[in-house]
C-alpha atoms as a PDB file:
ATOM      1  CA  UNK A   1      47.772 130.018 148.004  1.00  0.00           C
ATOM      2  CA  UNK A   2      45.463 129.005 145.199  1.00  0.00           C
ATOM      3  CA  UNK A   3      48.302 128.879 142.659  1.00  0.00           C
ATOM      4  CA  UNK A   4      50.268 126.379 144.767  1.00  0.00           C
ATOM      5  CA  UNK A   5      47.145 124.261 145.268  1.00  0.00           C
ATOM      6  CA  UNK A   6      46.279 124.354 141.545  1.00  0.00           C
ATOM      7  CA  UNK A   7      49.826 123.497 140.460  1.00  0.00           C
ATOM      8  CA  UNK A   8      50.061 120.562 142.858  1.00  0.00           C
ATOM      9  CA  UNK A   9      46.683 119.219 141.772  1.00  0.00           C
ATOM     10  CA  UNK A  10      47.452 119.504 138.057  1.00  0.00           C
ATOM     11  CA  UNK A  11      51.200 118.801 138.281  1.00  0.00           C
ATOM     12  CA  UNK A  12      52.203 122.227 136.946  1.00  0.00           C
ATOM     13  CA  UNK A  13      54.667 124.959 137.876  1.00  0.00           C
ATOM     14  CA  UNK A  14      54.797 128.695 137.256  1.00  0.00           C
ATOM     15  CA  UNK A  15      52.174 131.382 137.577  1.00  0.00           C
ATOM     16  CA  UNK A  16      48.515 130.421 137.332  1.00  0.00           C
ATOM     17  CA  UNK A  17      48.041 131.149 133.638  1.00  0.00           C
ATOM     18  CA  UNK A  18      51.489 130.155 132.383  1.00  0.00           C
ATOM     19  CA  UNK A  19      51.190 128.021 129.270  1.00  0.00           C
ATOM     20  CA  UNK A  20      47.374 128.096 129.402  1.00  0.00           C
ATOM     21  CA  UNK A  21      46.676 130.978 127.076  1.00  0.00           C
ATOM     22  CA  UNK A  22      48.611 132.500 124.220  1.00  0.00           C
ATOM     23  CA  UNK A  23      48.066 135.442 121.945  1.00  0.00           C
ATOM     24  CA  UNK A  24      49.750 135.540 118.552  1.00  0.00           C
ATOM     25  CA  UNK A  25      49.943 138.678 116.448  1.00  0.00           C
ATOM     26  CA  UNK A  26      49.342 137.692 112.819  1.00  0.00           C
ATOM     27  CA  UNK A  27      49.543 139.316 109.425  1.00  0.00           C
ATOM     28  CA  UNK A  28      45.853 139.061 108.546  1.00  0.00           C
ATOM     29  CA  UNK A  29      46.396 139.443 104.803  1.00  0.00           C
ATOM     30  CA  UNK A  30      48.580 136.343 104.708  1.00  0.00           C
ATOM     31  CA  UNK A  31      47.278 134.179 107.524  1.00  0.00           C
ATOM     32  CA  UNK A  32      43.816 135.115 108.804  1.00  0.00           C
ATOM     33  CA  UNK A  33      41.797 132.974 106.390  1.00  0.00           C
ATOM     34  CA  UNK A  34      44.094 129.988 106.974  1.00  0.00           C
ATOM     35  CA  UNK A  35      43.810 130.364 110.744  1.00  0.00           C
ATOM     36  CA  UNK A  36      40.018 130.542 110.551  1.00  0.00           C
ATOM     37  CA  UNK A  37      39.947 127.299 108.597  1.00  0.00           C
ATOM     38  CA  UNK A  38      42.483 125.670 110.898  1.00  0.00           C
ATOM     39  CA  UNK A  39      40.496 126.547 114.027  1.00  0.00           C
ATOM     40  CA  UNK A  40      37.136 125.545 112.561  1.00  0.00           C
ATOM     41  CA  UNK A  41      38.510 122.165 111.466  1.00  0.00           C
ATOM     42  CA  UNK A  42      40.100 121.372 114.839  1.00  0.00           C
ATOM     43  CA  UNK A  43      37.032 119.392 116.065  1.00  0.00           C
ATOM     44  CA  UNK A  44      37.176 117.314 112.870  1.00  0.00           C
ATOM     45  CA  UNK A  45      40.892 116.577 113.318  1.00  0.00           C
ATOM     46  CA  UNK A  46      40.179 115.588 116.913  1.00  0.00           C
ATOM     47  CA  UNK A  47      37.489 113.138 115.689  1.00  0.00           C
ATOM     48  CA  UNK A  48      34.840 114.928 117.736  1.00  0.00           C
ATOM     49  CA  UNK A  49      32.621 115.476 114.686  1.00  0.00           C
ATOM     50  CA  UNK A  50      32.789 114.569 111.006  1.00  0.00           C
ATOM     51  CA  UNK A  51      31.592 117.995 109.861  1.00  0.00           C
ATOM     52  CA  UNK A  52      32.505 121.318 111.542  1.00  0.00           C
ATOM     53  CA  UNK A  53      28.872 122.427 111.249  1.00  0.00           C
ATOM     54  CA  UNK A  54      27.996 119.804 113.880  1.00  0.00           C
ATOM     55  CA  UNK A  55      30.322 121.213 116.531  1.00  0.00           C
ATOM     56  CA  UNK A  56      28.214 123.510 118.764  1.00  0.00           C
ATOM     57  CA  UNK A  57      31.087 125.495 120.284  1.00  0.00           C
ATOM     58  CA  UNK A  58      32.355 126.808 116.952  1.00  0.00           C
ATOM     59  CA  UNK A  59      31.700 129.992 114.993  1.00  0.00           C
ATOM     60  CA  UNK A  60      31.699 127.984 111.749  1.00  0.00           C
ATOM     61  CA  UNK A  61      27.888 127.949 111.532  1.00  0.00           C
ATOM     62  CA  UNK A  62      27.819 131.737 111.879  1.00  0.00           C
ATOM     63  CA  UNK A  63      30.369 132.081 109.089  1.00  0.00           C
ATOM     64  CA  UNK A  64      28.187 129.992 106.791  1.00  0.00           C
ATOM     65  CA  UNK A  65      25.040 131.956 107.649  1.00  0.00           C
ATOM     66  CA  UNK A  66      23.309 128.877 109.049  1.00  0.00           C
ATOM     67  CA  UNK A  67      22.826 130.622 112.389  1.00  0.00           C
ATOM     68  CA  UNK A  68      22.733 134.254 113.424  1.00  0.00           C
ATOM     69  CA  UNK A  69      25.876 135.550 115.081  1.00  0.00           C
ATOM     70  CA  UNK A  70      25.407 136.262 118.800  1.00  0.00           C
ATOM     71  CA  UNK A  71      26.012 139.830 119.949  1.00  0.00           C
ATOM     72  CA  UNK A  72      29.515 139.004 121.174  1.00  0.00           C
ATOM     73  CA  UNK A  73      30.673 137.413 117.911  1.00  0.00           C
ATOM     74  CA  UNK A  74      31.729 139.395 114.854  1.00  0.00           C
ATOM     75  CA  UNK A  75      32.379 137.504 111.629  1.00  0.00           C
ATOM     76  CA  UNK A  76      32.642 140.551 109.377  1.00  0.00           C
ATOM     77  CA  UNK A  77      36.425 140.817 109.362  1.00  0.00           C
ATOM     78  CA  UNK A  78      36.862 137.102 108.797  1.00  0.00           C
ATOM     79  CA  UNK A  79      34.297 136.897 106.011  1.00  0.00           C
ATOM     80  CA  UNK A  80      35.800 140.032 104.513  1.00  0.00           C
ATOM     81  CA  UNK A  81      38.770 137.881 103.523  1.00  0.00           C
ATOM     82  CA  UNK A  82      36.532 135.926 101.136  1.00  0.00           C
ATOM     83  CA  UNK A  83      34.285 138.426  99.365  1.00  0.00           C
ATOM     84  CA  UNK A  84      32.738 141.888  99.279  1.00  0.00           C
ATOM     85  CA  UNK A  85      29.105 140.827  99.783  1.00  0.00           C
ATOM     86  CA  UNK A  86      27.829 138.538 102.525  1.00  0.00           C
ATOM     87  CA  UNK A  87      26.493 135.936 100.081  1.00  0.00           C
ATOM     88  CA  UNK A  88      29.665 135.882  97.977  1.00  0.00           C
ATOM     89  CA  UNK A  89      31.865 135.725 101.075  1.00  0.00           C
ATOM     90  CA  UNK A  90      29.913 132.824 102.591  1.00  0.00           C
ATOM     91  CA  UNK A  91      30.064 130.873  99.318  1.00  0.00           C
ATOM     92  CA  UNK A  92      33.801 131.465  98.965  1.00  0.00           C
ATOM     93  CA  UNK A  93      34.325 130.562 102.628  1.00  0.00           C
ATOM     94  CA  UNK A  94      32.547 127.209 102.205  1.00  0.00           C
ATOM     95  CA  UNK A  95      34.627 126.458  99.121  1.00  0.00           C
ATOM     96  CA  UNK A  96      37.799 127.395 100.994  1.00  0.00           C
ATOM     97  CA  UNK A  97      36.862 125.114 103.904  1.00  0.00           C
ATOM     98  CA  UNK A  98      36.644 122.180 101.512  1.00  0.00           C
ATOM     99  CA  UNK A  99      40.155 122.620 100.186  1.00  0.00           C
ATOM    100  CA  UNK A 100      43.226 120.827 101.501  1.00  0.00           C
ATOM    101  CA  UNK A 101      44.426 122.382 104.738  1.00  0.00           C
ATOM    102  CA  UNK A 102      47.957 123.634 105.279  1.00  0.00           C
ATOM    103  CA  UNK A 103      49.419 121.121 107.722  1.00  0.00           C
ATOM    104  CA  UNK A 104      52.582 123.188 107.950  1.00  0.00           C
ATOM    105  CA  UNK A 105      50.566 125.994 109.554  1.00  0.00           C
ATOM    106  CA  UNK A 106      50.675 124.210 112.908  1.00  0.00           C
ATOM    107  CA  UNK A 107      54.446 123.945 112.638  1.00  0.00           C
ATOM    108  CA  UNK A 108      54.631 127.655 111.873  1.00  0.00           C
ATOM    109  CA  UNK A 109      52.470 128.471 114.869  1.00  0.00           C
ATOM    110  CA  UNK A 110      54.652 126.384 117.168  1.00  0.00           C
ATOM    111  CA  UNK A 111      58.125 127.072 115.867  1.00  0.00           C
ATOM    112  CA  UNK A 112      58.066 129.519 112.975  1.00  0.00           C
ATOM    113  CA  UNK A 113      57.025 132.643 114.849  1.00  0.00           C
ATOM    114  CA  UNK A 114      59.097 135.385 116.423  1.00  0.00           C
ATOM    115  CA  UNK A 115      59.334 134.130 120.018  1.00  0.00           C
ATOM    116  CA  UNK A 116      56.097 132.256 119.306  1.00  0.00           C
ATOM    117  CA  UNK A 117      54.132 135.519 119.311  1.00  0.00           C
ATOM    118  CA  UNK A 118      54.290 137.054 115.796  1.00  0.00           C
ATOM    119  CA  UNK A 119      53.367 135.291 112.564  1.00  0.00           C
ATOM    120  CA  UNK A 120      54.101 137.111 109.324  1.00  0.00           C
ATOM    121  CA  UNK A 121      56.802 138.080 106.855  1.00  0.00           C
ATOM    122  CA  UNK A 122      60.000 139.876 107.855  1.00  0.00           C
ATOM    123  CA  UNK A 123      58.605 143.368 107.250  1.00  0.00           C
ATOM    124  CA  UNK A 124      55.498 142.636 109.334  1.00  0.00           C
ATOM    125  CA  UNK A 125      57.556 141.254 112.213  1.00  0.00           C
ATOM    126  CA  UNK A 126      59.999 144.174 112.065  1.00  0.00           C
ATOM    127  CA  UNK A 127      57.163 146.707 112.141  1.00  0.00           C
ATOM    128  CA  UNK A 128      55.413 144.975 115.029  1.00  0.00           C
ATOM    129  CA  UNK A 129      58.570 144.840 117.120  1.00  0.00           C
ATOM    130  CA  UNK A 130      59.314 148.484 116.369  1.00  0.00           C
ATOM    131  CA  UNK A 131      55.856 149.511 117.621  1.00  0.00           C
ATOM    132  CA  UNK A 132      56.275 147.517 120.792  1.00  0.00           C
ATOM    133  CA  UNK A 133      59.785 148.150 122.068  1.00  0.00           C
ATOM    134  CA  UNK A 134      59.005 147.252 125.664  1.00  0.00           C
ATOM    135  CA  UNK A 135      59.347 143.581 126.354  1.00  0.00           C
ATOM    136  CA  UNK A 136      57.569 142.387 129.475  1.00  0.00           C
ATOM    137  CA  UNK A 137      57.626 138.701 130.252  1.00  0.00           C
ATOM    138  CA  UNK A 138      56.114 136.974 133.254  1.00  0.00           C
ATOM    139  CA  UNK A 139      56.909 133.526 131.840  1.00  0.00           C
ATOM    140  CA  UNK A 140      59.404 131.299 133.602  1.00  0.00           C
ATOM    141  CA  UNK A 141      62.669 131.247 131.654  1.00  0.00           C
ATOM    142  CA  UNK A 142      65.124 128.400 131.196  1.00  0.00           C
ATOM    143  CA  UNK A 143      67.685 130.416 133.149  1.00  0.00           C
ATOM    144  CA  UNK A 144      65.335 130.648 136.142  1.00  0.00           C
ATOM    145  CA  UNK A 145      64.769 126.894 136.111  1.00  0.00           C
ATOM    146  CA  UNK A 146      68.515 126.332 135.841  1.00  0.00           C
ATOM    147  CA  UNK A 147      69.246 128.639 138.794  1.00  0.00           C
ATOM    148  CA  UNK A 148      66.760 126.858 141.055  1.00  0.00           C
ATOM    149  CA  UNK A 149      67.881 123.349 140.118  1.00  0.00           C
ATOM    150  CA  UNK A 150      71.571 124.276 140.324  1.00  0.00           C
ATOM    151  CA  UNK A 151      71.126 125.485 143.912  1.00  0.00           C
ATOM    152  CA  UNK A 152      69.175 122.401 144.944  1.00  0.00           C
ATOM    153  CA  UNK A 153      71.734 120.075 143.330  1.00  0.00           C
ATOM    154  CA  UNK A 154      74.617 122.239 144.572  1.00  0.00           C
ATOM    155  CA  UNK A 155      76.224 122.622 141.164  1.00  0.00           C
ATOM    156  CA  UNK A 156      77.046 125.768 139.230  1.00  0.00           C
ATOM    157  CA  UNK A 157      75.054 126.772 136.131  1.00  0.00           C
ATOM    158  CA  UNK A 158      78.392 126.795 134.267  1.00  0.00           C
ATOM    159  CA  UNK A 159      78.965 123.160 135.208  1.00  0.00           C
ATOM    160  CA  UNK A 160      75.578 122.255 133.758  1.00  0.00           C
ATOM    161  CA  UNK A 161      76.507 123.681 130.354  1.00  0.00           C
ATOM    162  CA  UNK A 162      79.990 122.151 130.387  1.00  0.00           C
ATOM    163  CA  UNK A 163      81.004 118.967 128.573  1.00  0.00           C
ATOM    164  CA  UNK A 164      81.042 117.028 131.848  1.00  0.00           C
ATOM    165  CA  UNK A 165      79.152 113.730 131.850  1.00  0.00           C
ATOM    166  CA  UNK A 166      79.298 113.275 135.611  1.00  0.00           C
ATOM    167  CA  UNK A 167      76.147 111.662 136.991  1.00  0.00           C
ATOM    168  CA  UNK A 168      75.139 114.432 139.404  1.00  0.00           C
ATOM    169  CA  UNK A 169      75.100 117.384 136.950  1.00  0.00           C
ATOM    170  CA  UNK A 170      73.647 115.095 134.275  1.00  0.00           C
ATOM    171  CA  UNK A 171      70.704 114.318 136.536  1.00  0.00           C
ATOM    172  CA  UNK A 172      70.256 118.036 137.199  1.00  0.00           C
ATOM    173  CA  UNK A 173      70.139 118.705 133.447  1.00  0.00           C
ATOM    174  CA  UNK A 174      67.447 116.092 133.026  1.00  0.00           C
ATOM    175  CA  UNK A 175      65.396 117.528 135.897  1.00  0.00           C
ATOM    176  CA  UNK A 176      65.609 120.977 134.292  1.00  0.00           C
ATOM    177  CA  UNK A 177      64.453 119.575 130.963  1.00  0.00           C
ATOM    178  CA  UNK A 178      61.602 117.600 132.535  1.00  0.00           C
ATOM    179  CA  UNK A 179      60.280 120.633 134.388  1.00  0.00           C
ATOM    180  CA  UNK A 180      60.562 122.792 131.289  1.00  0.00           C
ATOM    181  CA  UNK A 181      58.808 120.285 129.026  1.00  0.00           C
ATOM    182  CA  UNK A 182      56.171 118.943 131.407  1.00  0.00           C
ATOM    183  CA  UNK A 183      55.210 122.094 133.246  1.00  0.00           C
ATOM    184  CA  UNK A 184      56.270 125.081 131.175  1.00  0.00           C
ATOM    185  CA  UNK A 185      56.310 125.693 127.440  1.00  0.00           C
ATOM    186  CA  UNK A 186      59.662 124.338 126.284  1.00  0.00           C
ATOM    187  CA  UNK A 187      60.690 121.484 124.012  1.00  0.00           C
ATOM    188  CA  UNK A 188      63.516 118.989 124.370  1.00  0.00           C
ATOM    189  CA  UNK A 189      65.367 120.753 121.555  1.00  0.00           C
ATOM    190  CA  UNK A 190      65.365 123.962 123.635  1.00  0.00           C
ATOM    191  CA  UNK A 191      67.409 122.201 126.320  1.00  0.00           C
ATOM    192  CA  UNK A 192      69.536 120.316 123.811  1.00  0.00           C
ATOM    193  CA  UNK A 193      70.711 123.672 122.461  1.00  0.00           C
ATOM    194  CA  UNK A 194      70.983 125.289 125.890  1.00  0.00           C
ATOM    195  CA  UNK A 195      73.195 122.517 127.301  1.00  0.00           C
ATOM    196  CA  UNK A 196      75.142 121.986 124.048  1.00  0.00           C
ATOM    197  CA  UNK A 197      74.069 118.351 123.845  1.00  0.00           C
ATOM    198  CA  UNK A 198      72.871 116.219 120.955  1.00  0.00           C
ATOM    199  CA  UNK A 199      69.259 115.127 120.762  1.00  0.00           C
ATOM    200  CA  UNK A 200      69.733 111.328 121.153  1.00  0.00           C
ATOM    201  CA  UNK A 201      71.873 111.568 124.297  1.00  0.00           C
ATOM    202  CA  UNK A 202      69.639 114.222 125.866  1.00  0.00           C
ATOM    203  CA  UNK A 203      66.560 112.157 125.081  1.00  0.00           C
ATOM    204  CA  UNK A 204      68.062 109.042 126.703  1.00  0.00           C
ATOM    205  CA  UNK A 205      69.095 111.005 129.779  1.00  0.00           C
ATOM    206  CA  UNK A 206      65.644 112.516 130.252  1.00  0.00           C
ATOM    207  CA  UNK A 207      63.953 109.145 129.744  1.00  0.00           C
ATOM    208  CA  UNK A 208      66.244 107.516 132.312  1.00  0.00           C
ATOM    209  CA  UNK A 209      65.673 110.201 134.945  1.00  0.00           C
ATOM    210  CA  UNK A 210      61.921 110.168 134.335  1.00  0.00           C
ATOM    211  CA  UNK A 211      61.919 106.435 135.077  1.00  0.00           C
ATOM    212  CA  UNK A 212      64.022 106.895 138.201  1.00  0.00           C
ATOM    213  CA  UNK A 213      61.636 109.577 139.452  1.00  0.00           C
ATOM    214  CA  UNK A 214      58.843 107.003 139.604  1.00  0.00           C
ATOM    215  CA  UNK A 215      60.966 104.686 141.745  1.00  0.00           C
ATOM    216  CA  UNK A 216      62.820 107.068 144.066  1.00  0.00           C
ATOM    217  CA  UNK A 217      60.895 108.856 146.798  1.00  0.00           C
ATOM    218  CA  UNK A 218      63.811 111.178 147.542  1.00  0.00           C
ATOM    219  CA  UNK A 219      64.076 112.234 143.891  1.00  0.00           C
ATOM    220  CA  UNK A 220      60.324 112.803 143.757  1.00  0.00           C
ATOM    221  CA  UNK A 221      60.407 114.973 146.892  1.00  0.00           C
ATOM    222  CA  UNK A 222      63.341 116.940 145.507  1.00  0.00           C
ATOM    223  CA  UNK A 223      61.412 117.531 142.285  1.00  0.00           C
ATOM    224  CA  UNK A 224      58.364 118.776 144.214  1.00  0.00           C
ATOM    225  CA  UNK A 225      60.586 121.143 146.191  1.00  0.00           C
ATOM    226  CA  UNK A 226      62.034 122.540 142.966  1.00  0.00           C
ATOM    227  CA  UNK A 227      58.585 123.007 141.443  1.00  0.00           C
ATOM    228  CA  UNK A 228      57.397 124.879 144.540  1.00  0.00           C
ATOM    229  CA  UNK A 229      60.374 127.236 144.332  1.00  0.00           C
ATOM    230  CA  UNK A 230      59.741 127.952 140.648  1.00  0.00           C
ATOM    231  CA  UNK A 231      56.084 128.684 141.342  1.00  0.00           C
ATOM    232  CA  UNK A 232      57.116 131.107 144.099  1.00  0.00           C
ATOM    233  CA  UNK A 233      59.449 132.918 141.683  1.00  0.00           C
ATOM    234  CA  UNK A 234      56.689 133.279 139.102  1.00  0.00           C
ATOM    235  CA  UNK A 235      54.410 134.907 141.681  1.00  0.00           C
ATOM    236  CA  UNK A 236      57.009 137.451 142.802  1.00  0.00           C
END
């Protein structure tokens, strides 16, 4: 299957689009203008250009009026955050772009959202969740990774969350964390909380197992087997 081929080539697991694309529902009154600035300044932060106007794959030039918006691009809603007339909005937008950016916005986008999908105040989040009561997730969960690894390592999921420091379950915990961090969309802190461990010890364990993976063919093959099983689950 194409998904298996793609995942092997790019060292990924999960369904084809897992972790590639995300959609975040935002409170436009509070965040839209900040997000526009954040996105348009990304090429500058990445040292690709010194001025966002020089980046050809950006809508920044259309927002400034330097170029005409293509038929598939609408800047009206975005510019509407800055002024009532086109000229006033473009002038206010340029002034806004020159102000200090909110570095904490990235942190909010990564960790400060409701399940990483809603960005807004409590009332906005509550209203959004009320409108969308059905929760459908095709993402691989930590529990699914744990189940697969537990079977391969022949340990129980309960043993993995216990206080045991035995080498075998400890290695399984590290493998779970490595797969979740390297191939899915989880952080080390996610697994630190899940396994009731502290960050320093979990970090050392993961680092040790990552090193051993590069030296042990049997561990590498076991890891590939686990990744294949997780990909199969995501396609079911």
